[in-house]
Amino acid sequence: MATVNVALKKATEVQSEIIKLERSISEKIRDEQNQLNTLKEQDKDMREQLMLAMQKNNVKTIENDLIKVTFVSEQTRSTVDIVALKQAKPEIAEMFKKESKVKPSIRIKVKDADNNN
């Protein structure tokens, strides 16, 4: 009976540690994701400003010792509508199907602090 009590106590301690670790990691991930989202938004705004300035002044390339920026004008891209191809010619779509191995991963969604979703 004493062995069972010791095992239960140890299991409870391990579970408590896991809960603390999970909470700590969750908070850190949430905070870092919020910082990353802020930085991404700032990056998007700066890129937009730079693109508009380059376009307005007909500048194709800006280069210095830190970065090289190239303006790429609007263009049309052609792609294959795989859904329509599968519906119209499923045998052809199957012939050209390509499978790739995908490494295991985790998905993390940071919940909005106000809405908890």
N, C-alpha and C. Protein backbone atom coordinates (compact mmCIF):
# COMPACT_ATOMS: atom_id res chain seq x y z
N MET A 1 0.82 -1.20 0.00
CA MET A 1 0.00 0.00 0.00
C MET A 1 0.86 1.26 0.00
N ALA A 2 1.96 1.22 0.72
CA ALA A 2 2.86 2.38 0.78
C ALA A 2 3.45 2.67 -0.59
N THR A 3 3.74 1.62 -1.35
CA THR A 3 4.29 1.79 -2.70
C THR A 3 3.30 2.49 -3.60
N VAL A 4 2.02 2.13 -3.45
CA VAL A 4 0.96 2.76 -4.25
C VAL A 4 0.85 4.23 -3.90
N ASN A 5 0.91 4.56 -2.61
CA ASN A 5 0.82 5.96 -2.17
C ASN A 5 1.99 6.78 -2.69
N VAL A 6 3.20 6.20 -2.67
CA VAL A 6 4.38 6.90 -3.18
C VAL A 6 4.24 7.12 -4.68
N ALA A 7 3.76 6.12 -5.40
CA ALA A 7 3.57 6.24 -6.84
C ALA A 7 2.53 7.30 -7.16
N LEU A 8 1.42 7.32 -6.42
CA LEU A 8 0.39 8.34 -6.62
C LEU A 8 0.92 9.74 -6.34
N LYS A 9 1.70 9.87 -5.27
CA LYS A 9 2.27 11.18 -4.93
C LYS A 9 3.21 11.65 -6.04
N LYS A 10 4.04 10.72 -6.54
CA LYS A 10 4.98 11.06 -7.61
C LYS A 10 4.22 11.45 -8.89
N ALA A 11 3.16 10.71 -9.21
CA ALA A 11 2.35 11.01 -10.39
C ALA A 11 1.71 12.38 -10.27
N THR A 12 1.23 12.72 -9.07
CA THR A 12 0.62 14.02 -8.82
C THR A 12 1.65 15.14 -8.97
N GLU A 13 2.87 14.91 -8.48
CA GLU A 13 3.94 15.91 -8.62
C GLU A 13 4.30 16.13 -10.08
N VAL A 14 4.40 15.04 -10.83
CA VAL A 14 4.73 15.13 -12.26
C VAL A 14 3.63 15.88 -13.00
N GLN A 15 2.37 15.55 -12.70
CA GLN A 15 1.25 16.23 -13.34
C GLN A 15 1.26 17.72 -13.03
N SER A 16 1.56 18.06 -11.78
CA SER A 16 1.63 19.47 -11.38
C SER A 16 2.73 20.20 -12.15
N GLU A 17 3.88 19.56 -12.31
CA GLU A 17 4.98 20.15 -13.06
C GLU A 17 4.60 20.38 -14.52
N ILE A 18 3.93 19.40 -15.10
CA ILE A 18 3.51 19.51 -16.49
C ILE A 18 2.53 20.68 -16.66
N ILE A 19 1.60 20.82 -15.74
CA ILE A 19 0.63 21.92 -15.80
C ILE A 19 1.34 23.26 -15.71
N LYS A 20 2.32 23.39 -14.79
CA LYS A 20 3.07 24.65 -14.67
C LYS A 20 3.85 24.94 -15.94
N LEU A 21 4.50 23.93 -16.48
CA LEU A 21 5.29 24.09 -17.70
C LEU A 21 4.39 24.49 -18.87
N GLU A 22 3.26 23.81 -19.01
CA GLU A 22 2.32 24.11 -20.09
C GLU A 22 1.84 25.56 -20.00
N ARG A 23 1.53 26.00 -18.81
CA ARG A 23 1.05 27.38 -18.64
C ARG A 23 2.15 28.38 -18.99
N SER A 24 3.35 28.12 -18.51
CA SER A 24 4.48 29.02 -18.78
C SER A 24 4.76 29.10 -20.28
N ILE A 25 4.79 27.95 -20.93
CA ILE A 25 5.06 27.92 -22.37
C ILE A 25 3.92 28.59 -23.14
N SER A 26 2.68 28.33 -22.73
CA SER A 26 1.53 28.94 -23.40
C SER A 26 1.59 30.46 -23.33
N GLU A 27 1.93 30.98 -22.16
CA GLU A 27 2.01 32.44 -22.00
C GLU A 27 3.13 33.01 -22.85
N LYS A 28 4.27 32.33 -22.88
CA LYS A 28 5.41 32.80 -23.67
C LYS A 28 5.07 32.78 -25.16
N ILE A 29 4.46 31.70 -25.63
CA ILE A 29 4.07 31.61 -27.04
C ILE A 29 3.08 32.72 -27.38
N ARG A 30 2.08 32.93 -26.53
CA ARG A 30 1.09 33.98 -26.79
C ARG A 30 1.77 35.34 -26.90
N ASP A 31 2.65 35.66 -25.95
CA ASP A 31 3.33 36.95 -25.97
C ASP A 31 4.21 37.12 -27.20
N GLU A 32 4.94 36.07 -27.56
CA GLU A 32 5.81 36.16 -28.73
C GLU A 32 5.01 36.26 -30.02
N GLN A 33 3.89 35.56 -30.09
CA GLN A 33 3.03 35.66 -31.28
C GLN A 33 2.46 37.07 -31.41
N ASN A 34 2.09 37.68 -30.31
CA ASN A 34 1.58 39.05 -30.35
C ASN A 34 2.67 40.01 -30.84
N GLN A 35 3.90 39.83 -30.35
CA GLN A 35 5.02 40.66 -30.81
C GLN A 35 5.28 40.42 -32.29
N LEU A 36 5.25 39.17 -32.70
CA LEU A 36 5.48 38.83 -34.10
C LEU A 36 4.41 39.45 -35.00
N ASN A 37 3.16 39.39 -34.57
CA ASN A 37 2.08 39.99 -35.35
C ASN A 37 2.27 41.49 -35.49
N THR A 38 2.70 42.15 -34.43
CA THR A 38 2.97 43.59 -34.48
C THR A 38 4.10 43.88 -35.46
N LEU A 39 5.16 43.09 -35.39
CA LEU A 39 6.29 43.29 -36.30
C LEU A 39 5.91 43.02 -37.75
N LYS A 40 5.09 42.01 -37.98
CA LYS A 40 4.64 41.71 -39.34
C LYS A 40 3.82 42.87 -39.90
N GLU A 41 2.97 43.45 -39.08
CA GLU A 41 2.15 44.58 -39.52
C GLU A 41 3.03 45.78 -39.84
N GLN A 42 4.03 46.04 -39.00
CA GLN A 42 4.96 47.14 -39.26
C GLN A 42 5.74 46.89 -40.55
N ASP A 43 6.19 45.64 -40.74
CA ASP A 43 6.92 45.27 -41.94
C ASP A 43 6.05 45.48 -43.18
N LYS A 44 4.81 45.07 -43.11
CA LYS A 44 3.88 45.23 -44.23
C LYS A 44 3.69 46.71 -44.57
N ASP A 45 3.53 47.54 -43.56
CA ASP A 45 3.36 48.98 -43.79
C ASP A 45 4.60 49.61 -44.42
N MET A 46 5.78 49.24 -43.92
CA MET A 46 7.02 49.80 -44.47
C MET A 46 7.22 49.37 -45.91
N ARG A 47 6.94 48.10 -46.21
CA ARG A 47 7.07 47.60 -47.58
C ARG A 47 6.12 48.34 -48.51
N GLU A 48 4.91 48.57 -48.06
CA GLU A 48 3.91 49.28 -48.88
C GLU A 48 4.38 50.70 -49.16
N GLN A 49 4.88 51.40 -48.13
CA GLN A 49 5.37 52.76 -48.32
C GLN A 49 6.54 52.79 -49.30
N LEU A 50 7.47 51.85 -49.13
CA LEU A 50 8.64 51.80 -50.00
C LEU A 50 8.23 51.48 -51.44
N MET A 51 7.30 50.53 -51.61
CA MET A 51 6.85 50.17 -52.95
C MET A 51 6.19 51.36 -53.64
N LEU A 52 5.32 52.06 -52.91
CA LEU A 52 4.64 53.21 -53.51
C LEU A 52 5.64 54.30 -53.89
N ALA A 53 6.63 54.55 -53.04
CA ALA A 53 7.65 55.56 -53.34
C ALA A 53 8.47 55.15 -54.56
N MET A 54 8.84 53.89 -54.65
CA MET A 54 9.62 53.42 -55.80
C MET A 54 8.79 53.52 -57.07
N GLN A 55 7.53 53.15 -56.98
CA GLN A 55 6.65 53.20 -58.15
C GLN A 55 6.44 54.64 -58.60
N LYS A 56 6.18 55.52 -57.65
CA LYS A 56 5.93 56.93 -57.97
C LYS A 56 7.14 57.57 -58.63
N ASN A 57 8.34 57.21 -58.18
CA ASN A 57 9.57 57.82 -58.67
C ASN A 57 10.28 56.98 -59.74
N ASN A 58 9.59 55.94 -60.22
CA ASN A 58 10.13 55.08 -61.26
C ASN A 58 11.51 54.52 -60.91
N VAL A 59 11.64 54.07 -59.68
CA VAL A 59 12.89 53.46 -59.21
C VAL A 59 12.71 51.95 -59.25
N LYS A 60 13.60 51.26 -59.93
CA LYS A 60 13.49 49.80 -60.07
C LYS A 60 14.24 49.05 -58.98
N THR A 61 15.38 49.61 -58.53
CA THR A 61 16.21 48.90 -57.55
C THR A 61 16.82 49.89 -56.56
N ILE A 62 16.83 49.47 -55.33
CA ILE A 62 17.53 50.20 -54.27
C ILE A 62 18.47 49.18 -53.64
N GLU A 63 19.74 49.54 -53.55
CA GLU A 63 20.70 48.60 -52.96
C GLU A 63 21.69 49.36 -52.10
N ASN A 64 21.97 48.79 -50.94
CA ASN A 64 23.01 49.34 -50.08
C ASN A 64 23.73 48.17 -49.42
N ASP A 65 24.54 48.43 -48.40
CA ASP A 65 25.30 47.35 -47.78
C ASP A 65 24.42 46.43 -46.93
N LEU A 66 23.16 46.82 -46.68
CA LEU A 66 22.27 46.01 -45.85
C LEU A 66 21.23 45.23 -46.65
N ILE A 67 20.67 45.85 -47.67
CA ILE A 67 19.58 45.21 -48.40
C ILE A 67 19.62 45.57 -49.89
N LYS A 68 18.90 44.78 -50.65
CA LYS A 68 18.64 45.10 -52.05
C LYS A 68 17.14 44.95 -52.24
N VAL A 69 16.50 45.99 -52.73
CA VAL A 69 15.06 45.99 -52.96
C VAL A 69 14.83 46.17 -54.45
N THR A 70 14.03 45.29 -55.04
CA THR A 70 13.71 45.37 -56.45
C THR A 70 12.21 45.52 -56.61
N PHE A 71 11.80 46.52 -57.36
CA PHE A 71 10.38 46.73 -57.62
C PHE A 71 9.95 45.76 -58.72
N VAL A 72 8.90 45.00 -58.45
CA VAL A 72 8.35 44.08 -59.44
C VAL A 72 6.96 44.59 -59.77
N SER A 73 6.77 44.98 -61.02
CA SER A 73 5.49 45.56 -61.43
C SER A 73 4.40 44.50 -61.49
N GLU A 74 3.17 44.98 -61.55
CA GLU A 74 2.00 44.10 -61.62
C GLU A 74 2.10 43.21 -62.85
N GLN A 75 1.68 41.96 -62.69
CA GLN A 75 1.72 41.01 -63.79
C GLN A 75 0.62 39.98 -63.63
N THR A 76 0.40 39.20 -64.66
CA THR A 76 -0.61 38.15 -64.62
C THR A 76 0.10 36.81 -64.53
N ARG A 77 -0.39 35.96 -63.63
CA ARG A 77 0.18 34.63 -63.44
C ARG A 77 -0.84 33.59 -63.88
N SER A 78 -0.38 32.59 -64.60
CA SER A 78 -1.25 31.50 -65.03
C SER A 78 -0.99 30.28 -64.15
N THR A 79 -2.06 29.67 -63.68
CA THR A 79 -1.95 28.46 -62.88
C THR A 79 -2.99 27.45 -63.34
N VAL A 80 -2.87 26.23 -62.89
CA VAL A 80 -3.84 25.19 -63.22
C VAL A 80 -4.86 25.11 -62.09
N ASP A 81 -6.13 25.16 -62.46
CA ASP A 81 -7.21 25.01 -61.48
C ASP A 81 -7.38 23.52 -61.24
N ILE A 82 -6.74 23.02 -60.20
CA ILE A 82 -6.72 21.59 -59.94
C ILE A 82 -8.11 21.04 -59.63
N VAL A 83 -8.95 21.81 -58.98
CA VAL A 83 -10.31 21.36 -58.66
C VAL A 83 -11.10 21.14 -59.94
N ALA A 84 -11.02 22.11 -60.86
CA ALA A 84 -11.73 21.97 -62.14
C ALA A 84 -11.15 20.81 -62.96
N LEU A 85 -9.83 20.65 -62.93
CA LEU A 85 -9.20 19.55 -63.66
C LEU A 85 -9.66 18.20 -63.12
N LYS A 86 -9.73 18.08 -61.81
CA LYS A 86 -10.20 16.82 -61.20
C LYS A 86 -11.64 16.52 -61.60
N GLN A 87 -12.45 17.55 -61.72
CA GLN A 87 -13.85 17.35 -62.10
C GLN A 87 -13.97 17.01 -63.58
N ALA A 88 -13.23 17.72 -64.43
CA ALA A 88 -13.35 17.54 -65.88
C ALA A 88 -12.60 16.30 -66.38
N LYS A 89 -11.41 16.10 -65.87
CA LYS A 89 -10.55 15.01 -66.34
C LYS A 89 -9.85 14.35 -65.14
N PRO A 90 -10.61 13.61 -64.33
CA PRO A 90 -10.00 13.03 -63.12
C PRO A 90 -8.85 12.07 -63.43
N GLU A 91 -8.90 11.37 -64.55
CA GLU A 91 -7.83 10.43 -64.88
C GLU A 91 -6.52 11.16 -65.16
N ILE A 92 -6.61 12.32 -65.79
CA ILE A 92 -5.40 13.11 -66.07
C ILE A 92 -4.87 13.70 -64.76
N ALA A 93 -5.76 14.21 -63.93
CA ALA A 93 -5.34 14.76 -62.64
C ALA A 93 -4.64 13.68 -61.82
N GLU A 94 -5.16 12.47 -61.84
CA GLU A 94 -4.56 11.36 -61.09
C GLU A 94 -3.18 11.01 -61.64
N MET A 95 -3.02 11.07 -62.98
CA MET A 95 -1.74 10.74 -63.61
C MET A 95 -0.63 11.69 -63.14
N PHE A 96 -0.98 12.94 -62.89
CA PHE A 96 0.03 13.93 -62.53
C PHE A 96 0.04 14.27 -61.05
N LYS A 97 -0.67 13.48 -60.26
CA LYS A 97 -0.70 13.72 -58.81
C LYS A 97 0.68 13.46 -58.24
N LYS A 98 1.10 14.32 -57.36
CA LYS A 98 2.41 14.20 -56.73
C LYS A 98 2.20 14.15 -55.23
N GLU A 99 2.77 13.18 -54.58
CA GLU A 99 2.66 13.06 -53.13
C GLU A 99 4.00 13.39 -52.51
N SER A 100 3.95 14.11 -51.41
CA SER A 100 5.16 14.48 -50.69
C SER A 100 4.98 14.15 -49.22
N LYS A 101 6.04 13.70 -48.61
CA LYS A 101 6.01 13.42 -47.18
C LYS A 101 6.09 14.75 -46.44
N VAL A 102 5.26 14.89 -45.43
CA VAL A 102 5.23 16.12 -44.65
C VAL A 102 5.66 15.78 -43.22
N LYS A 103 6.64 16.51 -42.73
CA LYS A 103 7.13 16.26 -41.38
C LYS A 103 6.04 16.57 -40.35
N PRO A 104 6.06 15.89 -39.22
CA PRO A 104 5.09 16.21 -38.18
C PRO A 104 5.32 17.62 -37.67
N SER A 105 4.26 18.25 -37.24
CA SER A 105 4.36 19.61 -36.74
C SER A 105 3.23 19.86 -35.75
N ILE A 106 3.23 21.03 -35.18
CA ILE A 106 2.13 21.44 -34.32
C ILE A 106 1.58 22.74 -34.86
N ARG A 107 0.30 22.97 -34.62
CA ARG A 107 -0.31 24.24 -34.98
C ARG A 107 -0.65 24.95 -33.68
N ILE A 108 -0.33 26.22 -33.64
CA ILE A 108 -0.61 27.01 -32.46
C ILE A 108 -1.43 28.20 -32.88
N LYS A 109 -2.58 28.37 -32.27
CA LYS A 109 -3.42 29.53 -32.53
C LYS A 109 -3.45 30.35 -31.25
N VAL A 110 -3.02 31.59 -31.35
CA VAL A 110 -3.04 32.47 -30.20
C VAL A 110 -4.43 33.05 -30.08
N LYS A 111 -5.01 32.89 -28.91
CA LYS A 111 -6.36 33.36 -28.69
C LYS A 111 -6.36 34.85 -28.37
N ASP A 112 -7.35 35.54 -28.86
CA ASP A 112 -7.52 36.95 -28.59
C ASP A 112 -7.77 37.12 -27.08
N ALA A 113 -7.01 37.97 -26.42
CA ALA A 113 -7.15 38.15 -24.97
C ALA A 113 -8.54 38.62 -24.59
N ASP A 114 -9.20 39.40 -25.45
CA ASP A 114 -10.53 39.91 -25.14
C ASP A 114 -11.61 38.86 -25.34
N ASN A 115 -11.47 38.06 -26.38
CA ASN A 115 -12.53 37.13 -26.75
C ASN A 115 -12.25 35.69 -26.36
N ASN A 116 -10.99 35.37 -26.00
CA ASN A 116 -10.57 34.01 -25.66
C ASN A 116 -10.90 33.01 -26.77
N ASN A 117 -10.71 33.40 -28.04
CA ASN A 117 -10.91 32.44 -29.13
C ASN A 117 -9.78 32.45 -30.10
